[in-house]
Amino acid sequence: MGLSARHGLSAKNLLSQVQVQAPVGTEAATAAAVPPPASPSDFSFQLSVNNDPAMAGMAQEIVKAWDGIGLKAQIVITDNKSLKERLTAGNFDAALVELDLSPSTDPDPYSLWRQVPADGGLNFGGMNDRLTSEMLEQARSEVNGVHRTELYHQFQQIFCDRAVALLLYYPVYVYATDSRLAGVQLGFISDPSDRFRSIKNWRFQQ
């Protein structure tokens, strides 16, 4: 995961235009009516991640890319239980997490972004938007799914506009089969074993 020179320069230019101001009415705000622009080096935070080697390695690459545009981040590596406790308590600046909806094949994001992250909800970032919750509630209640795609498109637009989270990648797995093998059909795979769902129809061509 690299950061191209062009994108890095663009990010630096955008960061150079950011001005951080204290909330109106605070001592800091009254002491400095016009605060100086923040430089990229003023931004520093922690990135929490679990101790899975692949995830920790990805976090290191991300931090390296951020460092290239002047953002300073420190990686905090913990076990899964400790990371979940930090996320639940809101005790983190940023977190790198993997979304795994298996064994369900339903891409329902309700538990992730519903308004109240209670009862096992995963809205650790605290997104609090009633319109979004209503969209997701309506989408998951669609029995035949006629309007579900449209509702999800609307949700995705809001998600992108508000930069609720940064989606890094969606894994794509490639399976090879013998050219003599017929009847192989791959549909949606939520678990590796799903690739054998149609194995009863597999046969070697004569």
N, C-alpha and C. Protein backbone atom coordinates (compact mmCIF):
# COMPACT_ATOMS: atom_id res chain seq x y z
N MET A 1 0.86 -1.18 0.00
CA MET A 1 0.00 0.00 0.00
C MET A 1 0.90 1.23 0.00
N GLY A 2 1.01 1.89 -1.11
CA GLY A 2 1.89 3.04 -1.21
C GLY A 2 1.12 4.33 -1.44
N LEU A 3 1.81 5.43 -1.33
CA LEU A 3 1.22 6.74 -1.56
C LEU A 3 1.95 7.38 -2.71
N SER A 4 1.28 7.61 -3.84
CA SER A 4 1.94 8.15 -5.01
C SER A 4 2.42 9.57 -4.74
N ALA A 5 3.42 10.01 -5.50
CA ALA A 5 3.97 11.36 -5.31
C ALA A 5 2.90 12.41 -5.56
N ARG A 6 2.09 12.20 -6.60
CA ARG A 6 1.06 13.20 -6.92
C ARG A 6 0.04 13.30 -5.81
N HIS A 7 -0.44 12.13 -5.32
CA HIS A 7 -1.43 12.13 -4.25
C HIS A 7 -0.83 12.69 -2.96
N GLY A 8 0.47 12.36 -2.72
CA GLY A 8 1.12 12.87 -1.52
C GLY A 8 1.21 14.38 -1.53
N LEU A 9 1.53 14.96 -2.70
CA LEU A 9 1.62 16.41 -2.83
C LEU A 9 0.26 17.04 -2.64
N SER A 10 -0.78 16.43 -3.21
CA SER A 10 -2.14 16.95 -3.06
C SER A 10 -2.56 16.94 -1.60
N ALA A 11 -2.26 15.83 -0.90
CA ALA A 11 -2.62 15.73 0.52
C ALA A 11 -1.90 16.78 1.34
N LYS A 12 -0.62 17.03 1.03
CA LYS A 12 0.14 18.05 1.76
C LYS A 12 -0.46 19.43 1.54
N ASN A 13 -0.85 19.71 0.30
CA ASN A 13 -1.45 21.01 0.00
C ASN A 13 -2.75 21.21 0.76
N LEU A 14 -3.56 20.16 0.83
CA LEU A 14 -4.83 20.25 1.56
C LEU A 14 -4.59 20.46 3.05
N LEU A 15 -3.62 19.72 3.59
CA LEU A 15 -3.34 19.86 5.02
C LEU A 15 -2.81 21.24 5.36
N SER A 16 -2.06 21.84 4.41
CA SER A 16 -1.50 23.16 4.67
C SER A 16 -2.58 24.23 4.76
N GLN A 17 -3.78 23.91 4.24
CA GLN A 17 -4.88 24.87 4.26
C GLN A 17 -5.76 24.71 5.50
N VAL A 18 -5.50 23.66 6.28
CA VAL A 18 -6.31 23.41 7.47
C VAL A 18 -5.94 24.38 8.58
N GLN A 19 -6.94 24.94 9.23
CA GLN A 19 -6.72 25.79 10.39
C GLN A 19 -7.48 25.21 11.56
N VAL A 20 -6.77 24.98 12.64
CA VAL A 20 -7.38 24.42 13.84
C VAL A 20 -7.68 25.55 14.80
N GLN A 21 -8.94 25.69 15.20
CA GLN A 21 -9.33 26.75 16.10
C GLN A 21 -9.95 26.17 17.36
N ALA A 22 -9.71 26.82 18.48
CA ALA A 22 -10.33 26.40 19.73
C ALA A 22 -11.81 26.77 19.69
N PRO A 23 -12.67 26.01 20.37
CA PRO A 23 -14.11 26.33 20.38
C PRO A 23 -14.36 27.75 20.86
N VAL A 24 -15.36 28.41 20.31
CA VAL A 24 -15.71 29.77 20.68
C VAL A 24 -16.06 29.83 22.17
N GLY A 25 -15.50 30.85 22.84
CA GLY A 25 -15.82 31.03 24.26
C GLY A 25 -14.78 30.47 25.20
N THR A 26 -13.81 29.71 24.67
CA THR A 26 -12.79 29.13 25.53
C THR A 26 -11.68 30.15 25.74
N GLU A 27 -10.84 29.92 26.75
CA GLU A 27 -9.74 30.83 27.04
C GLU A 27 -8.79 30.91 25.85
N ALA A 28 -8.57 29.74 25.21
CA ALA A 28 -7.65 29.72 24.08
C ALA A 28 -8.19 30.57 22.94
N ALA A 29 -9.51 30.54 22.74
CA ALA A 29 -10.11 31.31 21.65
C ALA A 29 -10.02 32.80 21.91
N THR A 30 -10.24 33.22 23.15
CA THR A 30 -10.19 34.64 23.47
C THR A 30 -8.76 35.15 23.48
N ALA A 31 -7.80 34.26 23.79
CA ALA A 31 -6.40 34.69 23.85
C ALA A 31 -5.84 34.90 22.45
N ALA A 32 -6.37 34.16 21.49
CA ALA A 32 -5.88 34.30 20.12
C ALA A 32 -7.06 34.35 19.18
N ALA A 33 -7.43 35.55 18.78
CA ALA A 33 -8.61 35.71 17.94
C ALA A 33 -8.39 35.07 16.57
N VAL A 34 -7.16 35.14 16.07
CA VAL A 34 -6.85 34.53 14.79
C VAL A 34 -5.71 33.54 14.99
N PRO A 35 -6.04 32.27 15.24
CA PRO A 35 -4.99 31.27 15.50
C PRO A 35 -4.17 31.02 14.26
N PRO A 36 -2.90 30.72 14.43
CA PRO A 36 -2.04 30.46 13.27
C PRO A 36 -2.45 29.16 12.58
N PRO A 37 -2.28 29.09 11.26
CA PRO A 37 -2.60 27.86 10.54
C PRO A 37 -1.79 26.69 11.08
N ALA A 38 -2.42 25.54 11.11
CA ALA A 38 -1.73 24.35 11.59
C ALA A 38 -0.90 23.75 10.45
N SER A 39 0.27 23.30 10.77
CA SER A 39 1.09 22.61 9.79
C SER A 39 0.82 21.12 9.91
N PRO A 40 1.12 20.33 8.86
CA PRO A 40 0.88 18.89 8.93
C PRO A 40 1.52 18.23 10.14
N SER A 41 2.68 18.76 10.57
CA SER A 41 3.37 18.15 11.70
C SER A 41 2.62 18.34 13.01
N ASP A 42 1.60 19.24 13.02
CA ASP A 42 0.82 19.45 14.24
C ASP A 42 -0.16 18.30 14.48
N PHE A 43 -0.39 17.49 13.46
CA PHE A 43 -1.35 16.41 13.57
C PHE A 43 -0.64 15.12 13.99
N SER A 44 -0.96 14.62 15.16
CA SER A 44 -0.38 13.37 15.62
C SER A 44 -1.45 12.61 16.40
N PHE A 45 -1.46 11.30 16.25
CA PHE A 45 -2.47 10.49 16.90
C PHE A 45 -2.00 9.04 16.94
N GLN A 46 -2.81 8.20 17.58
CA GLN A 46 -2.50 6.79 17.69
C GLN A 46 -3.41 5.98 16.77
N LEU A 47 -2.86 4.94 16.19
CA LEU A 47 -3.62 4.02 15.36
C LEU A 47 -3.64 2.67 16.06
N SER A 48 -4.81 2.25 16.51
CA SER A 48 -4.95 0.98 17.22
C SER A 48 -5.22 -0.15 16.24
N VAL A 49 -4.61 -1.29 16.50
CA VAL A 49 -4.79 -2.46 15.62
C VAL A 49 -4.55 -3.71 16.46
N ASN A 50 -5.12 -4.84 16.03
CA ASN A 50 -4.88 -6.07 16.77
C ASN A 50 -3.53 -6.67 16.39
N ASN A 51 -3.14 -7.72 17.08
CA ASN A 51 -1.79 -8.27 16.90
C ASN A 51 -1.69 -9.32 15.80
N ASP A 52 -2.68 -9.35 14.91
CA ASP A 52 -2.55 -10.22 13.75
C ASP A 52 -1.41 -9.69 12.88
N PRO A 53 -0.45 -10.54 12.49
CA PRO A 53 0.73 -10.06 11.72
C PRO A 53 0.36 -9.30 10.45
N ALA A 54 -0.66 -9.78 9.73
CA ALA A 54 -1.05 -9.10 8.49
C ALA A 54 -1.63 -7.72 8.77
N MET A 55 -2.48 -7.62 9.81
CA MET A 55 -3.08 -6.34 10.15
C MET A 55 -2.03 -5.37 10.68
N ALA A 56 -1.13 -5.88 11.53
CA ALA A 56 -0.08 -5.02 12.08
C ALA A 56 0.85 -4.53 10.97
N GLY A 57 1.15 -5.41 10.00
CA GLY A 57 1.98 -5.01 8.88
C GLY A 57 1.31 -3.94 8.02
N MET A 58 -0.01 -4.10 7.83
CA MET A 58 -0.75 -3.10 7.07
C MET A 58 -0.75 -1.76 7.79
N ALA A 59 -0.89 -1.80 9.11
CA ALA A 59 -0.87 -0.57 9.90
C ALA A 59 0.47 0.15 9.74
N GLN A 60 1.55 -0.61 9.69
CA GLN A 60 2.87 -0.01 9.52
C GLN A 60 2.99 0.68 8.17
N GLU A 61 2.43 0.07 7.13
CA GLU A 61 2.48 0.67 5.79
C GLU A 61 1.63 1.94 5.74
N ILE A 62 0.49 1.92 6.42
CA ILE A 62 -0.37 3.10 6.46
C ILE A 62 0.33 4.26 7.17
N VAL A 63 0.93 3.95 8.31
CA VAL A 63 1.65 4.99 9.07
C VAL A 63 2.81 5.55 8.25
N LYS A 64 3.47 4.67 7.51
CA LYS A 64 4.57 5.12 6.66
C LYS A 64 4.06 6.09 5.58
N ALA A 65 2.90 5.76 5.00
CA ALA A 65 2.32 6.64 3.98
C ALA A 65 1.90 7.97 4.59
N TRP A 66 1.31 7.92 5.77
CA TRP A 66 0.92 9.15 6.45
C TRP A 66 2.14 10.02 6.75
N ASP A 67 3.22 9.37 7.17
CA ASP A 67 4.44 10.10 7.50
C ASP A 67 4.95 10.87 6.29
N GLY A 68 4.69 10.32 5.09
CA GLY A 68 5.14 10.97 3.87
C GLY A 68 4.44 12.29 3.60
N ILE A 69 3.28 12.51 4.22
CA ILE A 69 2.59 13.80 4.04
C ILE A 69 2.59 14.62 5.32
N GLY A 70 3.39 14.18 6.30
CA GLY A 70 3.55 14.97 7.51
C GLY A 70 2.64 14.60 8.66
N LEU A 71 1.84 13.55 8.52
CA LEU A 71 0.98 13.10 9.62
C LEU A 71 1.75 12.10 10.48
N LYS A 72 1.83 12.36 11.76
CA LYS A 72 2.57 11.50 12.66
C LYS A 72 1.61 10.61 13.45
N ALA A 73 1.77 9.33 13.29
CA ALA A 73 0.90 8.38 13.99
C ALA A 73 1.75 7.32 14.68
N GLN A 74 1.30 6.91 15.84
CA GLN A 74 1.96 5.86 16.60
C GLN A 74 1.06 4.64 16.62
N ILE A 75 1.61 3.48 16.28
CA ILE A 75 0.82 2.26 16.25
C ILE A 75 0.70 1.67 17.65
N VAL A 76 -0.53 1.33 18.02
CA VAL A 76 -0.79 0.67 19.30
C VAL A 76 -1.32 -0.72 18.98
N ILE A 77 -0.52 -1.76 19.24
CA ILE A 77 -0.89 -3.13 18.93
C ILE A 77 -1.34 -3.85 20.20
N THR A 78 -2.54 -4.42 20.16
CA THR A 78 -3.07 -5.15 21.30
C THR A 78 -3.72 -6.44 20.81
N ASP A 79 -4.09 -7.31 21.75
CA ASP A 79 -4.81 -8.51 21.38
C ASP A 79 -6.25 -8.14 21.04
N ASN A 80 -6.99 -9.08 20.47
CA ASN A 80 -8.36 -8.81 20.02
C ASN A 80 -9.26 -8.33 21.14
N LYS A 81 -9.16 -8.97 22.30
CA LYS A 81 -10.02 -8.61 23.42
C LYS A 81 -9.75 -7.18 23.88
N SER A 82 -8.49 -6.84 24.02
CA SER A 82 -8.13 -5.49 24.47
C SER A 82 -8.54 -4.44 23.45
N LEU A 83 -8.39 -4.77 22.17
CA LEU A 83 -8.79 -3.82 21.12
C LEU A 83 -10.29 -3.60 21.17
N LYS A 84 -11.06 -4.68 21.33
CA LYS A 84 -12.52 -4.55 21.40
C LYS A 84 -12.92 -3.69 22.60
N GLU A 85 -12.24 -3.86 23.73
CA GLU A 85 -12.54 -3.05 24.91
C GLU A 85 -12.24 -1.58 24.66
N ARG A 86 -11.13 -1.29 23.98
CA ARG A 86 -10.77 0.10 23.66
C ARG A 86 -11.81 0.71 22.73
N LEU A 87 -12.23 -0.06 21.72
CA LEU A 87 -13.21 0.45 20.77
C LEU A 87 -14.54 0.71 21.45
N THR A 88 -14.97 -0.23 22.27
CA THR A 88 -16.26 -0.10 22.96
C THR A 88 -16.28 1.10 23.89
N ALA A 89 -15.14 1.34 24.55
CA ALA A 89 -15.05 2.47 25.49
C ALA A 89 -14.76 3.79 24.78
N GLY A 90 -14.50 3.74 23.48
CA GLY A 90 -14.16 4.96 22.75
C GLY A 90 -12.76 5.45 23.08
N ASN A 91 -11.93 4.55 23.57
CA ASN A 91 -10.58 4.91 23.99
C ASN A 91 -9.59 4.71 22.84
N PHE A 92 -9.77 5.48 21.77
CA PHE A 92 -8.87 5.36 20.63
C PHE A 92 -8.98 6.63 19.77
N ASP A 93 -7.92 6.89 19.03
CA ASP A 93 -7.93 8.01 18.07
C ASP A 93 -8.40 7.52 16.71
N ALA A 94 -7.75 6.47 16.24
CA ALA A 94 -8.12 5.83 14.98
C ALA A 94 -7.85 4.35 15.15
N ALA A 95 -8.56 3.54 14.39
CA ALA A 95 -8.40 2.09 14.52
C ALA A 95 -8.46 1.44 13.15
N LEU A 96 -7.63 0.44 12.97
CA LEU A 96 -7.64 -0.37 11.75
C LEU A 96 -8.31 -1.69 12.10
N VAL A 97 -9.46 -1.94 11.53
CA VAL A 97 -10.21 -3.15 11.86
C VAL A 97 -10.64 -3.86 10.58
N GLU A 98 -10.89 -5.14 10.72
CA GLU A 98 -11.36 -5.95 9.60
C GLU A 98 -12.82 -6.29 9.83
N LEU A 99 -13.64 -6.04 8.82
CA LEU A 99 -15.06 -6.34 8.91
C LEU A 99 -15.31 -7.74 8.36
N ASP A 100 -15.87 -8.59 9.19
CA ASP A 100 -16.16 -9.96 8.78
C ASP A 100 -17.60 -10.26 9.16
N LEU A 101 -18.47 -10.35 8.15
CA LEU A 101 -19.88 -10.60 8.39
C LEU A 101 -20.24 -12.08 8.33
N SER A 102 -19.25 -12.95 8.12
CA SER A 102 -19.55 -14.37 8.02
C SER A 102 -20.09 -14.88 9.37
N PRO A 103 -20.93 -15.90 9.35
CA PRO A 103 -21.29 -16.72 8.20
C PRO A 103 -22.46 -16.17 7.38
N SER A 104 -22.93 -14.98 7.70
CA SER A 104 -24.05 -14.41 6.97
C SER A 104 -23.62 -13.98 5.58
N THR A 105 -24.49 -14.17 4.60
CA THR A 105 -24.23 -13.71 3.24
C THR A 105 -24.94 -12.40 2.96
N ASP A 106 -25.56 -11.85 3.99
CA ASP A 106 -26.31 -10.60 3.85
C ASP A 106 -25.40 -9.42 4.18
N PRO A 107 -25.16 -8.52 3.22
CA PRO A 107 -24.26 -7.38 3.48
C PRO A 107 -24.95 -6.25 4.24
N ASP A 108 -25.71 -6.60 5.25
CA ASP A 108 -26.47 -5.62 6.04
C ASP A 108 -25.53 -4.85 6.96
N PRO A 109 -25.34 -3.52 6.75
CA PRO A 109 -24.41 -2.75 7.57
C PRO A 109 -25.07 -2.12 8.80
N TYR A 110 -26.27 -2.57 9.14
CA TYR A 110 -27.03 -1.94 10.23
C TYR A 110 -26.26 -1.93 11.55
N SER A 111 -25.66 -3.06 11.92
CA SER A 111 -24.97 -3.13 13.21
C SER A 111 -23.77 -2.20 13.27
N LEU A 112 -23.23 -1.83 12.11
CA LEU A 112 -22.05 -0.97 12.06
C LEU A 112 -22.37 0.51 12.22
N TRP A 113 -23.48 0.95 11.66
CA TRP A 113 -23.73 2.39 11.58
C TRP A 113 -25.07 2.81 12.15
N ARG A 114 -25.74 1.94 12.89
CA ARG A 114 -27.01 2.34 13.49
C ARG A 114 -26.76 3.41 14.55
N GLN A 115 -27.78 4.17 14.81
CA GLN A 115 -27.63 5.38 15.61
C GLN A 115 -27.19 5.08 17.04
N VAL A 116 -27.75 4.04 17.64
CA VAL A 116 -27.39 3.70 19.02
C VAL A 116 -26.56 2.43 19.01
N PRO A 117 -25.25 2.52 19.29
CA PRO A 117 -24.37 1.34 19.23
C PRO A 117 -24.48 0.47 20.47
N ALA A 118 -25.69 0.12 20.86
CA ALA A 118 -25.89 -0.71 22.05
C ALA A 118 -26.20 -2.14 21.64
N ASP A 119 -26.25 -3.01 22.62
CA ASP A 119 -26.61 -4.42 22.39
C ASP A 119 -25.71 -5.06 21.33
N GLY A 120 -24.42 -4.88 21.46
CA GLY A 120 -23.50 -5.52 20.53
C GLY A 120 -23.27 -4.77 19.25
N GLY A 121 -23.76 -3.55 19.12
CA GLY A 121 -23.55 -2.76 17.91
C GLY A 121 -22.07 -2.44 17.72
N LEU A 122 -21.69 -2.16 16.49
CA LEU A 122 -20.28 -1.92 16.17
C LEU A 122 -20.01 -0.49 15.73
N ASN A 123 -20.91 0.41 16.06
CA ASN A 123 -20.74 1.82 15.68
C ASN A 123 -19.78 2.50 16.65
N PHE A 124 -18.53 2.04 16.64
CA PHE A 124 -17.55 2.53 17.60
C PHE A 124 -17.18 3.99 17.35
N GLY A 125 -17.32 4.45 16.12
CA GLY A 125 -17.00 5.84 15.82
C GLY A 125 -18.06 6.81 16.29
N GLY A 126 -19.21 6.30 16.74
CA GLY A 126 -20.25 7.15 17.30
C GLY A 126 -21.02 7.93 16.26
N MET A 127 -21.15 7.39 15.05
CA MET A 127 -21.96 8.08 14.05
C MET A 127 -23.39 8.20 14.57
N ASN A 128 -23.91 9.43 14.59
CA ASN A 128 -25.23 9.68 15.18
C ASN A 128 -26.08 10.45 14.18
N ASP A 129 -26.74 9.69 13.31
CA ASP A 129 -27.53 10.31 12.25
C ASP A 129 -28.82 9.52 12.08
N ARG A 130 -29.94 10.14 12.41
CA ARG A 130 -31.21 9.44 12.37
C ARG A 130 -31.60 9.04 10.95
N LEU A 131 -31.31 9.90 9.96
CA LEU A 131 -31.66 9.60 8.58
C LEU A 131 -30.96 8.32 8.12
N THR A 132 -29.70 8.19 8.47
CA THR A 132 -28.95 6.99 8.09
C THR A 132 -29.55 5.76 8.74
N SER A 133 -29.85 5.86 10.03
CA SER A 133 -30.44 4.73 10.74
C SER A 133 -31.75 4.31 10.10
N GLU A 134 -32.57 5.28 9.73
CA GLU A 134 -33.87 4.98 9.13
C GLU A 134 -33.69 4.28 7.78
N MET A 135 -32.70 4.73 7.00
CA MET A 135 -32.43 4.08 5.72
C MET A 135 -32.06 2.61 5.91
N LEU A 136 -31.16 2.37 6.86
CA LEU A 136 -30.70 1.00 7.09
C LEU A 136 -31.80 0.14 7.69
N GLU A 137 -32.64 0.73 8.55
CA GLU A 137 -33.76 -0.01 9.13
C GLU A 137 -34.76 -0.40 8.04
N GLN A 138 -35.03 0.54 7.15
CA GLN A 138 -35.97 0.27 6.07
C GLN A 138 -35.42 -0.77 5.10
N ALA A 139 -34.11 -0.67 4.79
CA ALA A 139 -33.50 -1.60 3.86
C ALA A 139 -33.54 -3.03 4.38
N ARG A 140 -33.24 -3.22 5.65
CA ARG A 140 -33.20 -4.58 6.19
C ARG A 140 -34.59 -5.16 6.38
N SER A 141 -35.62 -4.31 6.36
CA SER A 141 -36.98 -4.80 6.51
C SER A 141 -37.64 -5.11 5.16
N GLU A 142 -36.93 -4.81 4.06
CA GLU A 142 -37.44 -5.10 2.73
C GLU A 142 -37.42 -6.61 2.50
N VAL A 143 -38.59 -7.22 2.46
CA VAL A 143 -38.67 -8.67 2.33
C VAL A 143 -38.16 -9.14 0.98
N ASN A 144 -38.61 -8.48 -0.09
CA ASN A 144 -38.21 -8.91 -1.44
C ASN A 144 -37.06 -8.09 -2.00
N GLY A 145 -36.60 -7.10 -1.27
CA GLY A 145 -35.41 -6.34 -1.68
C GLY A 145 -35.60 -5.41 -2.86
N VAL A 146 -36.83 -5.06 -3.20
CA VAL A 146 -37.07 -4.22 -4.36
C VAL A 146 -36.38 -2.87 -4.23
N HIS A 147 -36.50 -2.24 -3.07
CA HIS A 147 -35.95 -0.90 -2.88
C HIS A 147 -34.63 -0.92 -2.09
N ARG A 148 -34.16 -2.10 -1.78
CA ARG A 148 -32.98 -2.19 -0.93
C ARG A 148 -31.74 -1.60 -1.59
N THR A 149 -31.54 -1.90 -2.86
CA THR A 149 -30.38 -1.38 -3.58
C THR A 149 -30.39 0.14 -3.59
N GLU A 150 -31.56 0.73 -3.84
CA GLU A 150 -31.67 2.19 -3.88
C GLU A 150 -31.34 2.79 -2.51
N LEU A 151 -31.84 2.18 -1.46
CA LEU A 151 -31.57 2.68 -0.11
C LEU A 151 -30.09 2.57 0.23
N TYR A 152 -29.46 1.49 -0.18
CA TYR A 152 -28.04 1.32 0.08
C TYR A 152 -27.21 2.33 -0.72
N HIS A 153 -27.65 2.67 -1.92
CA HIS A 153 -26.95 3.68 -2.70
C HIS A 153 -27.03 5.04 -1.99
N GLN A 154 -28.18 5.36 -1.44
CA GLN A 154 -28.34 6.62 -0.71
C GLN A 154 -27.44 6.61 0.54
N PHE A 155 -27.42 5.48 1.23
CA PHE A 155 -26.57 5.37 2.42
C PHE A 155 -25.10 5.54 2.04
N GLN A 156 -24.67 4.91 0.95
CA GLN A 156 -23.28 5.01 0.53
C GLN A 156 -22.89 6.44 0.20
N GLN A 157 -23.82 7.20 -0.38
CA GLN A 157 -23.54 8.59 -0.70
C GLN A 157 -23.32 9.41 0.57
N ILE A 158 -24.18 9.19 1.56
CA ILE A 158 -24.01 9.89 2.85
C ILE A 158 -22.71 9.47 3.51
N PHE A 159 -22.42 8.17 3.45
CA PHE A 159 -21.20 7.62 4.05
C PHE A 159 -19.97 8.29 3.46
N CYS A 160 -19.95 8.44 2.14
CA CYS A 160 -18.80 9.06 1.48
C CYS A 160 -18.73 10.56 1.75
N ASP A 161 -19.88 11.24 1.70
CA ASP A 161 -19.90 12.69 1.91
C ASP A 161 -19.39 13.06 3.29
N ARG A 162 -19.71 12.24 4.28
CA ARG A 162 -19.34 12.56 5.66
C ARG A 162 -18.04 11.88 6.10
N ALA A 163 -17.45 11.10 5.20
CA ALA A 163 -16.19 10.41 5.51
C ALA A 163 -16.28 9.71 6.85
N VAL A 164 -17.31 8.90 7.01
CA VAL A 164 -17.55 8.20 8.27
C VAL A 164 -16.38 7.28 8.61
N ALA A 165 -15.85 6.61 7.62
CA ALA A 165 -14.69 5.73 7.80
C ALA A 165 -13.98 5.65 6.46
N LEU A 166 -12.76 5.16 6.47
CA LEU A 166 -11.99 4.99 5.24
C LEU A 166 -11.93 3.50 4.92
N LEU A 167 -12.52 3.12 3.80
CA LEU A 167 -12.51 1.72 3.39
C LEU A 167 -11.26 1.48 2.55
N LEU A 168 -10.45 0.54 2.97
CA LEU A 168 -9.16 0.34 2.32
C LEU A 168 -9.23 -0.63 1.15
N TYR A 169 -9.91 -1.73 1.31
CA TYR A 169 -9.96 -2.70 0.22
C TYR A 169 -11.06 -3.72 0.48
N TYR A 170 -11.43 -4.41 -0.58
CA TYR A 170 -12.38 -5.53 -0.50
C TYR A 170 -11.66 -6.73 -1.08
N PRO A 171 -11.45 -7.77 -0.31
CA PRO A 171 -10.65 -8.91 -0.80
C PRO A 171 -11.34 -9.66 -1.94
N VAL A 172 -10.57 -10.04 -2.92
CA VAL A 172 -11.05 -10.85 -4.03
C VAL A 172 -10.18 -12.11 -4.10
N TYR A 173 -10.81 -13.25 -4.04
CA TYR A 173 -10.08 -14.51 -4.07
C TYR A 173 -10.29 -15.20 -5.42
N VAL A 174 -9.23 -15.77 -5.96
CA VAL A 174 -9.28 -16.46 -7.24
C VAL A 174 -9.03 -17.94 -7.01
N TYR A 175 -9.94 -18.78 -7.51
CA TYR A 175 -9.80 -20.22 -7.38
C TYR A 175 -9.58 -20.82 -8.76
N ALA A 176 -8.59 -21.67 -8.88
CA ALA A 176 -8.29 -22.32 -10.15
C ALA A 176 -8.82 -23.76 -10.13
N THR A 177 -9.31 -24.21 -11.28
CA THR A 177 -9.78 -25.59 -11.38
C THR A 177 -9.17 -26.23 -12.63
N ASP A 178 -9.18 -27.53 -12.64
CA ASP A 178 -8.70 -28.28 -13.79
C ASP A 178 -9.61 -27.98 -14.98
N SER A 179 -9.03 -27.74 -16.15
CA SER A 179 -9.82 -27.40 -17.33
C SER A 179 -10.76 -28.53 -17.74
N ARG A 180 -10.50 -29.75 -17.27
CA ARG A 180 -11.36 -30.88 -17.61
C ARG A 180 -12.57 -30.97 -16.70
N LEU A 181 -12.59 -30.14 -15.65
CA LEU A 181 -13.67 -30.20 -14.67
C LEU A 181 -14.83 -29.31 -15.10
N ALA A 182 -16.02 -29.90 -15.17
CA ALA A 182 -17.22 -29.16 -15.58
C ALA A 182 -18.19 -29.08 -14.41
N GLY A 183 -19.15 -28.16 -14.52
CA GLY A 183 -20.18 -28.04 -13.49
C GLY A 183 -19.81 -27.18 -12.31
N VAL A 184 -18.65 -26.52 -12.40
CA VAL A 184 -18.21 -25.67 -11.29
C VAL A 184 -18.91 -24.32 -11.39
N GLN A 185 -19.61 -23.95 -10.33
CA GLN A 185 -20.30 -22.67 -10.28
C GLN A 185 -20.00 -22.00 -8.94
N LEU A 186 -19.52 -20.77 -9.00
CA LEU A 186 -19.20 -20.03 -7.79
C LEU A 186 -20.15 -18.84 -7.68
N GLY A 187 -20.90 -18.79 -6.59
CA GLY A 187 -21.76 -17.65 -6.32
C GLY A 187 -21.11 -16.79 -5.26
N PHE A 188 -21.91 -16.13 -4.45
CA PHE A 188 -21.37 -15.31 -3.37
C PHE A 188 -20.70 -16.22 -2.34
N ILE A 189 -19.50 -15.86 -1.92
CA ILE A 189 -18.75 -16.65 -0.95
C ILE A 189 -18.53 -15.84 0.31
N SER A 190 -19.14 -16.29 1.40
CA SER A 190 -18.92 -15.63 2.69
C SER A 190 -17.96 -16.41 3.56
N ASP A 191 -17.72 -17.66 3.19
CA ASP A 191 -16.80 -18.53 3.91
C ASP A 191 -16.05 -19.35 2.88
N PRO A 192 -14.76 -19.64 3.09
CA PRO A 192 -14.00 -20.39 2.09
C PRO A 192 -14.66 -21.69 1.64
N SER A 193 -15.36 -22.35 2.56
CA SER A 193 -15.98 -23.63 2.22
C SER A 193 -17.13 -23.47 1.23
N ASP A 194 -17.63 -22.24 1.05
CA ASP A 194 -18.75 -22.02 0.12
C ASP A 194 -18.39 -22.35 -1.32
N ARG A 195 -17.10 -22.38 -1.63
CA ARG A 195 -16.72 -22.68 -3.01
C ARG A 195 -17.05 -24.13 -3.39
N PHE A 196 -17.34 -24.95 -2.37
CA PHE A 196 -17.70 -26.34 -2.63
C PHE A 196 -19.22 -26.55 -2.60
N ARG A 197 -19.97 -25.47 -2.61
CA ARG A 197 -21.41 -25.58 -2.48
C ARG A 197 -22.03 -26.40 -3.62
N SER A 198 -21.46 -26.30 -4.80
CA SER A 198 -22.01 -27.02 -5.95
C SER A 198 -21.20 -28.26 -6.32
N ILE A 199 -20.45 -28.78 -5.35
CA ILE A 199 -19.54 -29.90 -5.65
C ILE A 199 -20.27 -31.14 -6.16
N LYS A 200 -21.54 -31.29 -5.79
CA LYS A 200 -22.30 -32.46 -6.24
C LYS A 200 -22.51 -32.44 -7.76
N ASN A 201 -22.35 -31.26 -8.37
CA ASN A 201 -22.52 -31.14 -9.82
C ASN A 201 -21.19 -31.19 -10.58
N TRP A 202 -20.09 -31.29 -9.86
CA TRP A 202 -18.80 -31.33 -10.52
C TRP A 202 -18.61 -32.69 -11.19
N ARG A 203 -17.96 -32.67 -12.34
CA ARG A 203 -17.68 -33.93 -13.02
C ARG A 203 -16.55 -33.70 -14.03
N PHE A 204 -15.77 -34.73 -14.23
CA PHE A 204 -14.72 -34.65 -15.24
C PHE A 204 -15.31 -35.01 -16.60
N GLN A 205 -15.02 -34.16 -17.56
CA GLN A 205 -15.52 -34.41 -18.91
C GLN A 205 -14.80 -35.60 -19.52
N GLN A 206 -15.57 -36.39 -20.25
CA GLN A 206 -15.01 -37.58 -20.89
C GLN A 206 -14.25 -37.18 -22.17
